[in-house]
Amino acid sequence: MPPKRVSRAGGPGRPAAALLALAVAGPALAGCGSGGPHRGTAAPPAAVRLPPRHAGFDYQIGGAYPPPAGVRIVSRDRSDPPAPGRYNICYVNAFQAQPQERSSWPADLLLRDARGRVVIDEDWHEPLLDLRTPAKRERVARRVNRWLDGCARKGYDAVEPDNYDSYTRSRHLLTAADATAYMRLLTRHAHARHLAVGQKNTAELAGRRRAVGLDFAVAEECGQYDECEVYAQAFDDRVVDVEYTDSGLRKALARWGGRLSIVRRDVDVSTPGSAGYVREAR
C-alpha cells in the first residue's frame, strides 16, 4: 500500500503566476488546439471516459472503504478493487520503486549516480527509475504497463501515474524531457486499454499535457500553494484536488469550490476508524 506523498515539483516558493505562464504559453501550449469549446484541452480518445467536473471526490490510496455519500470520483491503489458505481482512478507509482519492490527491479533500471549509488527519494525511501535512454524507458514502461493492464481488468476508468516530477529529485540526472517521453509511453498504452490518464502534480509541465496525452489532473494541495489555476486552465476544470490542511481546504474552496473536485484528507490518507482519519469536503 503506497504512502501518501506530496510530490509538487513547483514547491511552495514558486509563484503561481510563473507556473500559470508555463501552463498556458509556448509551443507546447495545451490550449492551442482548435475545434473544441474549451481552451486548454485536447480531445481524448473516443473510448476513454473523462472524470466529471466539480464532483464529489475521495482520495483512498491509503486503503479502500465505502465512499461517503455524494462521492462520484474515487482514487484507490492498484492493489484495491474499484468502488462500484463511481468514477475510479487507479494509483500507480510509475516513476519510482516502492521500497518493498526494489529487489524486484532489474539493477540497471534503478537510477545511479556517477559513483554507482542508487538515487533515492529520501522522503519516501524510494529509488528513482532510470529513464535516461529510450531503451530504458521502454523497459520500465513494459513493466508499469502491466500494472495499467491490471487496473483495466479490475474495471478502473483512469490511472494516476505518481511521481511524474521525480526528475526534480534526480540530482540533475533526469530531465523534464525524459519524464514526458516516458509518460507518453504510459498514456498511449493506457488509452489503448480505454483508461484516461491523470497528471499527478508537476504544475510546470501542465503546458505539455496535450503532447504527452494527459486527460485530467490529480493535484495535491493546489489550494495551499496557489496552483489550482494552472491545472484548471490546462485541463478545463477536470481537476481533482486533495488538501492536507484546513487552511489549504479553505483556500481551495474559496476560489475553486464551484469548479473543481476538492477534498481534505489526513496526511496518511487513512481509513475510517483510524485515529488520524480526516475527511472533509465542504
C-alpha atoms as a PDB file:
ATOM      1  CA  MET A   1       0.000   0.000   0.000  1.00  0.00           C
ATOM      2  CA  PRO A   2       1.658   3.252  -1.040  1.00  0.00           C
ATOM      3  CA  PRO A   3       2.048   6.091   1.431  1.00  0.00           C
ATOM      4  CA  LYS A   4       0.609   9.466   0.707  1.00  0.00           C
ATOM      5  CA  ARG A   5       3.071  11.754  -0.967  1.00  0.00           C
ATOM      6  CA  VAL A   6       3.139  15.458  -1.778  1.00  0.00           C
ATOM      7  CA  SER A   7       5.261  15.490  -4.926  1.00  0.00           C
ATOM      8  CA  ARG A   8       4.768  19.020  -6.178  1.00  0.00           C
ATOM      9  CA  ALA A   9       7.755  19.991  -8.270  1.00  0.00           C
ATOM     10  CA  GLY A  10       6.729  23.641  -8.170  1.00  0.00           C
ATOM     11  CA  GLY A  11       7.248  23.888  -4.427  1.00  0.00           C
ATOM     12  CA  PRO A  12       5.737  26.421  -2.051  1.00  0.00           C
ATOM     13  CA  GLY A  13       8.161  29.143  -3.066  1.00  0.00           C
ATOM     14  CA  ARG A  14       7.331  29.148  -6.754  1.00  0.00           C
ATOM     15  CA  PRO A  15       4.953  31.983  -7.753  1.00  0.00           C
ATOM     16  CA  ALA A  16       1.617  30.795  -9.100  1.00  0.00           C
ATOM     17  CA  ALA A  17       1.852  33.370 -11.891  1.00  0.00           C
ATOM     18  CA  ALA A  18       5.072  31.784 -13.132  1.00  0.00           C
ATOM     19  CA  LEU A  19       3.513  28.345 -13.128  1.00  0.00           C
ATOM     20  CA  LEU A  20       0.450  29.634 -14.957  1.00  0.00           C
ATOM     21  CA  ALA A  21       2.631  31.198 -17.623  1.00  0.00           C
ATOM     22  CA  LEU A  22       4.333  27.848 -18.151  1.00  0.00           C
ATOM     23  CA  ALA A  23       0.984  26.136 -18.432  1.00  0.00           C
ATOM     24  CA  VAL A  24      -0.579  28.462 -20.964  1.00  0.00           C
ATOM     25  CA  ALA A  25       2.271  29.777 -23.130  1.00  0.00           C
ATOM     26  CA  GLY A  26       4.864  28.446 -25.530  1.00  0.00           C
ATOM     27  CA  PRO A  27       4.902  25.902 -28.348  1.00  0.00           C
ATOM     28  CA  ALA A  28       3.741  23.083 -26.104  1.00  0.00           C
ATOM     29  CA  LEU A  29       0.632  25.003 -25.057  1.00  0.00           C
ATOM     30  CA  ALA A  30      -2.232  22.641 -24.370  1.00  0.00           C
ATOM     31  CA  GLY A  31      -4.853  25.139 -25.474  1.00  0.00           C
ATOM     32  CA  CYS A  32      -3.541  25.808 -28.956  1.00  0.00           C
ATOM     33  CA  GLY A  33      -5.791  23.197 -30.490  1.00  0.00           C
ATOM     34  CA  SER A  34      -8.884  24.169 -32.391  1.00  0.00           C
ATOM     35  CA  GLY A  35     -12.389  22.922 -32.791  1.00  0.00           C
ATOM     36  CA  GLY A  36     -13.395  22.497 -29.127  1.00  0.00           C
ATOM     37  CA  PRO A  37     -15.486  24.793 -26.950  1.00  0.00           C
ATOM     38  CA  HIS A  38     -12.945  24.788 -24.111  1.00  0.00           C
ATOM     39  CA  ARG A  39      -9.416  26.154 -24.020  1.00  0.00           C
ATOM     40  CA  GLY A  40      -6.563  24.035 -22.774  1.00  0.00           C
ATOM     41  CA  THR A  41      -7.938  20.635 -23.761  1.00  0.00           C
ATOM     42  CA  ALA A  42      -7.279  18.094 -26.445  1.00  0.00           C
ATOM     43  CA  ALA A  43      -9.944  15.637 -27.478  1.00  0.00           C
ATOM     44  CA  PRO A  44      -9.361  12.352 -25.634  1.00  0.00           C
ATOM     45  CA  PRO A  45      -9.571   9.028 -27.448  1.00  0.00           C
ATOM     46  CA  ALA A  46     -13.195   8.182 -28.173  1.00  0.00           C
ATOM     47  CA  ALA A  47     -13.175   5.113 -25.917  1.00  0.00           C
ATOM     48  CA  VAL A  48     -11.786   6.998 -22.904  1.00  0.00           C
ATOM     49  CA  ARG A  49     -14.221   8.358 -20.328  1.00  0.00           C
ATOM     50  CA  LEU A  50     -13.121  11.509 -18.512  1.00  0.00           C
ATOM     51  CA  PRO A  51     -13.963  12.285 -14.880  1.00  0.00           C
ATOM     52  CA  PRO A  52     -16.920  14.586 -14.294  1.00  0.00           C
ATOM     53  CA  ARG A  53     -16.189  18.197 -13.419  1.00  0.00           C
ATOM     54  CA  HIS A  54     -16.922  19.538  -9.937  1.00  0.00           C
ATOM     55  CA  ALA A  55     -17.957  16.184  -8.499  1.00  0.00           C
ATOM     56  CA  GLY A  56     -17.666  14.764  -5.007  1.00  0.00           C
ATOM     57  CA  PHE A  57     -14.194  13.224  -4.601  1.00  0.00           C
ATOM     58  CA  ASP A  58     -12.450  10.919  -2.144  1.00  0.00           C
ATOM     59  CA  TYR A  59      -8.751  10.045  -2.049  1.00  0.00           C
ATOM     60  CA  GLN A  60      -8.363   6.487  -0.760  1.00  0.00           C
ATOM     61  CA  ILE A  61      -4.831   5.479  -1.790  1.00  0.00           C
ATOM     62  CA  GLY A  62      -4.057   4.567   1.834  1.00  0.00           C
ATOM     63  CA  GLY A  63      -6.822   1.954   1.939  1.00  0.00           C
ATOM     64  CA  ALA A  64     -10.226   1.354   0.375  1.00  0.00           C
ATOM     65  CA  TYR A  65     -13.504   1.919   2.236  1.00  0.00           C
ATOM     66  CA  PRO A  66     -17.115   2.599   1.202  1.00  0.00           C
ATOM     67  CA  PRO A  67     -17.259   6.058  -0.388  1.00  0.00           C
ATOM     68  CA  PRO A  68     -19.154   8.662   1.650  1.00  0.00           C
ATOM     69  CA  ALA A  69     -22.474   9.975   0.377  1.00  0.00           C
ATOM     70  CA  GLY A  70     -22.141  12.329  -2.565  1.00  0.00           C
ATOM     71  CA  VAL A  71     -18.801  10.971  -3.754  1.00  0.00           C
ATOM     72  CA  ARG A  72     -18.695  10.334  -7.503  1.00  0.00           C
ATOM     73  CA  ILE A  73     -14.909  10.066  -8.027  1.00  0.00           C
ATOM     74  CA  VAL A  74     -12.610   7.775  -6.040  1.00  0.00           C
ATOM     75  CA  SER A  75      -8.851   7.263  -6.300  1.00  0.00           C
ATOM     76  CA  ARG A  76      -7.518   3.954  -4.933  1.00  0.00           C
ATOM     77  CA  ASP A  77      -4.280   1.998  -5.011  1.00  0.00           C
ATOM     78  CA  ARG A  78      -3.903  -0.517  -7.842  1.00  0.00           C
ATOM     79  CA  SER A  79      -3.976  -3.348  -5.296  1.00  0.00           C
ATOM     80  CA  ASP A  80      -7.582  -2.488  -4.369  1.00  0.00           C
ATOM     81  CA  PRO A  81     -10.765  -3.005  -6.403  1.00  0.00           C
ATOM     82  CA  PRO A  82     -12.632  -0.004  -7.796  1.00  0.00           C
ATOM     83  CA  ALA A  83     -15.640   1.403  -5.958  1.00  0.00           C
ATOM     84  CA  PRO A  84     -18.899   0.222  -7.564  1.00  0.00           C
ATOM     85  CA  GLY A  85     -20.884   2.893  -9.348  1.00  0.00           C
ATOM     86  CA  ARG A  86     -18.175   5.584  -9.137  1.00  0.00           C
ATOM     87  CA  TYR A  87     -15.607   7.038 -11.495  1.00  0.00           C
ATOM     88  CA  ASN A  88     -12.476   5.189 -10.375  1.00  0.00           C
ATOM     89  CA  ILE A  89      -8.855   6.322 -10.640  1.00  0.00           C
ATOM     90  CA  CYS A  90      -6.120   3.705 -10.182  1.00  0.00           C
ATOM     91  CA  TYR A  91      -2.999   4.883  -8.319  1.00  0.00           C
ATOM     92  CA  VAL A  92       0.301   3.569  -9.719  1.00  0.00           C
ATOM     93  CA  ASN A  93       3.778   4.549  -8.528  1.00  0.00           C
ATOM     94  CA  ALA A  94       5.192   4.800 -12.031  1.00  0.00           C
ATOM     95  CA  PHE A  95       8.450   6.758 -11.742  1.00  0.00           C
ATOM     96  CA  GLN A  96       9.929   5.338  -8.532  1.00  0.00           C
ATOM     97  CA  ALA A  97      10.142   1.898  -6.935  1.00  0.00           C
ATOM     98  CA  GLN A  98       8.223   1.107  -3.773  1.00  0.00           C
ATOM     99  CA  PRO A  99      10.759   0.197  -1.049  1.00  0.00           C
ATOM    100  CA  GLN A 100       9.351  -3.313  -0.742  1.00  0.00           C
ATOM    101  CA  GLU A 101       9.569  -3.788  -4.522  1.00  0.00           C
ATOM    102  CA  ARG A 102      13.118  -2.538  -5.001  1.00  0.00           C
ATOM    103  CA  SER A 103      14.650  -6.010  -5.260  1.00  0.00           C
ATOM    104  CA  SER A 104      12.216  -6.993  -7.994  1.00  0.00           C
ATOM    105  CA  TRP A 105      13.505  -4.300 -10.360  1.00  0.00           C
ATOM    106  CA  PRO A 106      16.500  -5.071 -12.601  1.00  0.00           C
ATOM    107  CA  ALA A 107      19.512  -3.346 -11.051  1.00  0.00           C
ATOM    108  CA  ASP A 108      20.278  -1.371 -14.208  1.00  0.00           C
ATOM    109  CA  LEU A 109      16.789   0.194 -14.198  1.00  0.00           C
ATOM    110  CA  LEU A 110      17.417   1.921 -10.867  1.00  0.00           C
ATOM    111  CA  LEU A 111      18.877   5.382 -11.406  1.00  0.00           C
ATOM    112  CA  ARG A 112      22.520   5.588 -10.294  1.00  0.00           C
ATOM    113  CA  ASP A 113      24.904   8.485  -9.857  1.00  0.00           C
ATOM    114  CA  ALA A 114      28.461   8.708 -11.192  1.00  0.00           C
ATOM    115  CA  ARG A 115      29.686   6.546  -8.308  1.00  0.00           C
ATOM    116  CA  GLY A 116      27.142   3.833  -9.000  1.00  0.00           C
ATOM    117  CA  ARG A 117      24.968   4.668  -5.995  1.00  0.00           C
ATOM    118  CA  VAL A 118      21.200   4.373  -6.385  1.00  0.00           C
ATOM    119  CA  VAL A 119      19.464   7.744  -6.266  1.00  0.00           C
ATOM    120  CA  ILE A 120      16.811   7.728  -3.547  1.00  0.00           C
ATOM    121  CA  ASP A 121      13.795   9.921  -2.898  1.00  0.00           C
ATOM    122  CA  GLU A 122      14.696  10.432   0.749  1.00  0.00           C
ATOM    123  CA  ASP A 123      11.191  11.493   1.805  1.00  0.00           C
ATOM    124  CA  TRP A 124       9.755   8.108   0.825  1.00  0.00           C
ATOM    125  CA  HIS A 125      12.901   5.932   0.704  1.00  0.00           C
ATOM    126  CA  GLU A 126      12.132   5.077  -2.907  1.00  0.00           C
ATOM    127  CA  PRO A 127      14.737   4.504  -5.625  1.00  0.00           C
ATOM    128  CA  LEU A 128      14.172   6.535  -8.771  1.00  0.00           C
ATOM    129  CA  LEU A 129      13.816   4.621 -12.020  1.00  0.00           C
ATOM    130  CA  ASP A 130      16.349   5.222 -14.783  1.00  0.00           C
ATOM    131  CA  LEU A 131      14.598   6.912 -17.707  1.00  0.00           C
ATOM    132  CA  ARG A 132      17.640   8.436 -19.394  1.00  0.00           C
ATOM    133  CA  THR A 133      17.552   6.462 -22.648  1.00  0.00           C
ATOM    134  CA  PRO A 134      14.772   5.337 -24.979  1.00  0.00           C
ATOM    135  CA  ALA A 135      15.706   1.701 -24.395  1.00  0.00           C
ATOM    136  CA  LYS A 136      15.456   2.023 -20.617  1.00  0.00           C
ATOM    137  CA  ARG A 137      12.212   3.973 -20.831  1.00  0.00           C
ATOM    138  CA  GLU A 138      10.751   1.183 -22.955  1.00  0.00           C
ATOM    139  CA  ARG A 139      11.811  -1.463 -20.445  1.00  0.00           C
ATOM    140  CA  VAL A 140      10.413   0.430 -17.470  1.00  0.00           C
ATOM    141  CA  ALA A 141       7.198   1.142 -19.355  1.00  0.00           C
ATOM    142  CA  ARG A 142       6.706  -2.536 -20.204  1.00  0.00           C
ATOM    143  CA  ARG A 143       6.648  -3.341 -16.509  1.00  0.00           C
ATOM    144  CA  VAL A 144       4.449  -0.429 -15.460  1.00  0.00           C
ATOM    145  CA  ASN A 145       2.100  -1.009 -18.364  1.00  0.00           C
ATOM    146  CA  ARG A 146       1.368  -4.458 -16.960  1.00  0.00           C
ATOM    147  CA  TRP A 147       0.125  -2.689 -13.840  1.00  0.00           C
ATOM    148  CA  LEU A 148      -2.060  -0.477 -16.029  1.00  0.00           C
ATOM    149  CA  ASP A 149      -3.429  -3.623 -17.640  1.00  0.00           C
ATOM    150  CA  GLY A 150      -4.354  -4.804 -14.161  1.00  0.00           C
ATOM    151  CA  CYS A 151      -6.191  -1.545 -13.484  1.00  0.00           C
ATOM    152  CA  ALA A 152      -8.151  -2.012 -16.703  1.00  0.00           C
ATOM    153  CA  ARG A 153      -9.035  -5.625 -15.899  1.00  0.00           C
ATOM    154  CA  LYS A 154     -10.355  -4.592 -12.497  1.00  0.00           C
ATOM    155  CA  GLY A 155     -12.670  -2.062 -14.118  1.00  0.00           C
ATOM    156  CA  TYR A 156     -10.976   1.248 -13.364  1.00  0.00           C
ATOM    157  CA  ASP A 157     -11.813   4.247 -15.538  1.00  0.00           C
ATOM    158  CA  ALA A 158      -8.464   6.030 -15.255  1.00  0.00           C
ATOM    159  CA  VAL A 159      -4.921   5.806 -13.913  1.00  0.00           C
ATOM    160  CA  GLU A 160      -2.843   8.178 -11.800  1.00  0.00           C
ATOM    161  CA  PRO A 161       0.886   7.620 -12.509  1.00  0.00           C
ATOM    162  CA  ASP A 162       2.610   9.126  -9.477  1.00  0.00           C
ATOM    163  CA  ASN A 163       5.984  10.884  -9.240  1.00  0.00           C
ATOM    164  CA  TYR A 164       5.926  12.499 -12.669  1.00  0.00           C
ATOM    165  CA  ASP A 165       8.153  15.128 -11.047  1.00  0.00           C
ATOM    166  CA  SER A 166      10.828  12.676  -9.863  1.00  0.00           C
ATOM    167  CA  TYR A 167      13.279  14.258 -12.306  1.00  0.00           C
ATOM    168  CA  THR A 168      13.416  17.231  -9.932  1.00  0.00           C
ATOM    169  CA  ARG A 169      14.802  14.900  -7.245  1.00  0.00           C
ATOM    170  CA  SER A 170      17.272  13.124  -9.555  1.00  0.00           C
ATOM    171  CA  ARG A 171      20.335  15.307  -8.837  1.00  0.00           C
ATOM    172  CA  HIS A 172      20.095  16.592 -12.418  1.00  0.00           C
ATOM    173  CA  LEU A 173      20.455  13.102 -13.878  1.00  0.00           C
ATOM    174  CA  LEU A 174      16.940  13.129 -15.345  1.00  0.00           C
ATOM    175  CA  THR A 175      15.235  15.887 -17.295  1.00  0.00           C
ATOM    176  CA  ALA A 176      11.687  17.014 -17.951  1.00  0.00           C
ATOM    177  CA  ALA A 177      12.137  15.644 -21.474  1.00  0.00           C
ATOM    178  CA  ASP A 178      12.911  12.205 -20.038  1.00  0.00           C
ATOM    179  CA  ALA A 179       9.787  12.371 -17.881  1.00  0.00           C
ATOM    180  CA  THR A 180       7.477  13.425 -20.696  1.00  0.00           C
ATOM    181  CA  ALA A 181       8.905  10.896 -23.176  1.00  0.00           C
ATOM    182  CA  TYR A 182       8.298   8.106 -20.676  1.00  0.00           C
ATOM    183  CA  MET A 183       4.853   9.406 -19.768  1.00  0.00           C
ATOM    184  CA  ARG A 184       3.891   9.291 -23.447  1.00  0.00           C
ATOM    185  CA  LEU A 185       4.609   5.550 -23.430  1.00  0.00           C
ATOM    186  CA  LEU A 186       2.236   5.137 -20.492  1.00  0.00           C
ATOM    187  CA  THR A 187      -0.555   7.308 -21.877  1.00  0.00           C
ATOM    188  CA  ARG A 188      -0.562   5.550 -25.243  1.00  0.00           C
ATOM    189  CA  HIS A 189      -0.814   2.177 -23.564  1.00  0.00           C
ATOM    190  CA  ALA A 190      -3.472   3.342 -21.115  1.00  0.00           C
ATOM    191  CA  HIS A 191      -5.598   4.860 -23.860  1.00  0.00           C
ATOM    192  CA  ALA A 192      -5.399   1.608 -25.814  1.00  0.00           C
ATOM    193  CA  ARG A 193      -6.857  -0.049 -22.696  1.00  0.00           C
ATOM    194  CA  HIS A 194      -9.631   2.594 -22.556  1.00  0.00           C
ATOM    195  CA  LEU A 195      -8.134   4.266 -19.476  1.00  0.00           C
ATOM    196  CA  ALA A 196      -7.931   8.018 -19.054  1.00  0.00           C
ATOM    197  CA  VAL A 197      -4.674   9.314 -17.562  1.00  0.00           C
ATOM    198  CA  GLY A 198      -4.367  11.929 -14.834  1.00  0.00           C
ATOM    199  CA  GLN A 199      -1.349  14.196 -14.498  1.00  0.00           C
ATOM    200  CA  LYS A 200      -0.153  13.941 -10.900  1.00  0.00           C
ATOM    201  CA  ASN A 201       1.057  17.329  -9.636  1.00  0.00           C
ATOM    202  CA  THR A 202       4.023  18.769 -11.627  1.00  0.00           C
ATOM    203  CA  ALA A 203       2.328  22.059 -12.468  1.00  0.00           C
ATOM    204  CA  GLU A 204       5.249  23.314 -14.554  1.00  0.00           C
ATOM    205  CA  LEU A 205       4.607  20.546 -17.110  1.00  0.00           C
ATOM    206  CA  ALA A 206       0.879  21.213 -17.437  1.00  0.00           C
ATOM    207  CA  GLY A 207       1.524  23.081 -20.690  1.00  0.00           C
ATOM    208  CA  ARG A 208       2.790  19.847 -22.239  1.00  0.00           C
ATOM    209  CA  ARG A 209      -0.297  17.830 -21.348  1.00  0.00           C
ATOM    210  CA  ARG A 210      -1.625  17.693 -24.905  1.00  0.00           C
ATOM    211  CA  ALA A 211       1.640  16.467 -26.430  1.00  0.00           C
ATOM    212  CA  VAL A 212       2.026  13.915 -23.638  1.00  0.00           C
ATOM    213  CA  GLY A 213      -1.582  12.711 -23.861  1.00  0.00           C
ATOM    214  CA  LEU A 214      -2.781  13.561 -20.348  1.00  0.00           C
ATOM    215  CA  ASP A 215      -6.523  13.915 -19.798  1.00  0.00           C
ATOM    216  CA  PHE A 216      -7.103  15.480 -16.367  1.00  0.00           C
ATOM    217  CA  ALA A 217      -5.157  16.486 -13.248  1.00  0.00           C
ATOM    218  CA  VAL A 218      -4.732  14.960  -9.805  1.00  0.00           C
ATOM    219  CA  ALA A 219      -3.362  17.748  -7.633  1.00  0.00           C
ATOM    220  CA  GLU A 220      -2.121  17.690  -4.065  1.00  0.00           C
ATOM    221  CA  GLU A 221      -2.508  20.966  -2.171  1.00  0.00           C
ATOM    222  CA  CYS A 222      -3.080  23.194  -5.176  1.00  0.00           C
ATOM    223  CA  GLY A 223      -5.176  25.425  -2.894  1.00  0.00           C
ATOM    224  CA  GLN A 224      -2.460  25.625  -0.263  1.00  0.00           C
ATOM    225  CA  TYR A 225       0.190  26.569  -2.809  1.00  0.00           C
ATOM    226  CA  ASP A 226      -1.897  28.642  -5.253  1.00  0.00           C
ATOM    227  CA  GLU A 227      -1.527  26.219  -8.164  1.00  0.00           C
ATOM    228  CA  CYS A 228      -5.161  25.349  -8.854  1.00  0.00           C
ATOM    229  CA  GLU A 229      -5.412  27.939 -11.616  1.00  0.00           C
ATOM    230  CA  VAL A 230      -2.604  26.247 -13.522  1.00  0.00           C
ATOM    231  CA  TYR A 231      -4.387  22.908 -13.532  1.00  0.00           C
ATOM    232  CA  ALA A 232      -7.858  24.379 -14.028  1.00  0.00           C
ATOM    233  CA  GLN A 233      -6.797  26.239 -17.154  1.00  0.00           C
ATOM    234  CA  ALA A 234      -4.686  23.450 -18.627  1.00  0.00           C
ATOM    235  CA  PHE A 235      -7.312  20.753 -18.008  1.00  0.00           C
ATOM    236  CA  ASP A 236     -10.510  22.768 -18.392  1.00  0.00           C
ATOM    237  CA  ASP A 237     -11.557  22.272 -14.755  1.00  0.00           C
ATOM    238  CA  ARG A 238     -11.160  18.481 -14.885  1.00  0.00           C
ATOM    239  CA  VAL A 239      -9.139  18.582 -11.691  1.00  0.00           C
ATOM    240  CA  VAL A 240      -9.362  16.508  -8.524  1.00  0.00           C
ATOM    241  CA  ASP A 241      -7.548  18.152  -5.620  1.00  0.00           C
ATOM    242  CA  VAL A 242      -6.656  16.740  -2.221  1.00  0.00           C
ATOM    243  CA  GLU A 243      -5.727  19.188   0.540  1.00  0.00           C
ATOM    244  CA  TYR A 244      -3.991  18.111   3.745  1.00  0.00           C
ATOM    245  CA  THR A 245      -4.596  21.175   5.914  1.00  0.00           C
ATOM    246  CA  ASP A 246      -7.629  23.187   6.975  1.00  0.00           C
ATOM    247  CA  SER A 247      -6.097  26.339   5.547  1.00  0.00           C
ATOM    248  CA  GLY A 248      -5.496  24.655   2.204  1.00  0.00           C
ATOM    249  CA  LEU A 249      -9.077  23.438   2.083  1.00  0.00           C
ATOM    250  CA  ARG A 250     -10.409  26.906   2.863  1.00  0.00           C
ATOM    251  CA  LYS A 251      -8.285  28.480   0.141  1.00  0.00           C
ATOM    252  CA  ALA A 252      -9.221  25.855  -2.423  1.00  0.00           C
ATOM    253  CA  LEU A 253     -12.938  26.093  -1.688  1.00  0.00           C
ATOM    254  CA  ALA A 254     -12.992  29.899  -1.548  1.00  0.00           C
ATOM    255  CA  ARG A 255     -11.894  30.259  -5.159  1.00  0.00           C
ATOM    256  CA  TRP A 256     -12.422  26.861  -6.747  1.00  0.00           C
ATOM    257  CA  GLY A 257     -15.189  25.221  -4.751  1.00  0.00           C
ATOM    258  CA  GLY A 258     -17.698  25.789  -7.536  1.00  0.00           C
ATOM    259  CA  ARG A 259     -15.474  24.398 -10.293  1.00  0.00           C
ATOM    260  CA  LEU A 260     -13.091  21.682  -9.130  1.00  0.00           C
ATOM    261  CA  SER A 261     -13.408  18.410  -7.189  1.00  0.00           C
ATOM    262  CA  ILE A 262     -11.854  19.099  -3.780  1.00  0.00           C
ATOM    263  CA  VAL A 263     -11.416  17.037  -0.624  1.00  0.00           C
ATOM    264  CA  ARG A 264      -9.473  17.423   2.633  1.00  0.00           C
ATOM    265  CA  ARG A 265      -7.745  14.240   3.789  1.00  0.00           C
ATOM    266  CA  ASP A 266      -5.323  13.415   6.575  1.00  0.00           C
ATOM    267  CA  VAL A 267      -1.683  13.245   5.562  1.00  0.00           C
ATOM    268  CA  ASP A 268      -1.643   9.438   5.862  1.00  0.00           C
ATOM    269  CA  VAL A 269      -4.856   9.071   3.826  1.00  0.00           C
ATOM    270  CA  SER A 270      -6.017   6.613   6.472  1.00  0.00           C
ATOM    271  CA  THR A 271      -9.270   4.687   6.647  1.00  0.00           C
ATOM    272  CA  PRO A 272     -12.327   5.468   8.808  1.00  0.00           C
ATOM    273  CA  GLY A 273     -11.827   4.248  12.352  1.00  0.00           C
ATOM    274  CA  SER A 274      -8.131   5.099  12.330  1.00  0.00           C
ATOM    275  CA  ALA A 275      -7.032   7.587  14.962  1.00  0.00           C
ATOM    276  CA  GLY A 276      -5.883  10.168  12.430  1.00  0.00           C
ATOM    277  CA  TYR A 277      -8.671   9.799   9.877  1.00  0.00           C
ATOM    278  CA  VAL A 278      -9.834  13.109   8.424  1.00  0.00           C
ATOM    279  CA  ARG A 279     -12.147  13.703   5.500  1.00  0.00           C
ATOM    280  CA  GLU A 280     -13.912  16.955   4.727  1.00  0.00           C
ATOM    281  CA  ALA A 281     -15.310  18.281   1.505  1.00  0.00           C
ATOM    282  CA  ARG A 282     -17.384  21.307   2.456  1.00  0.00           C
END
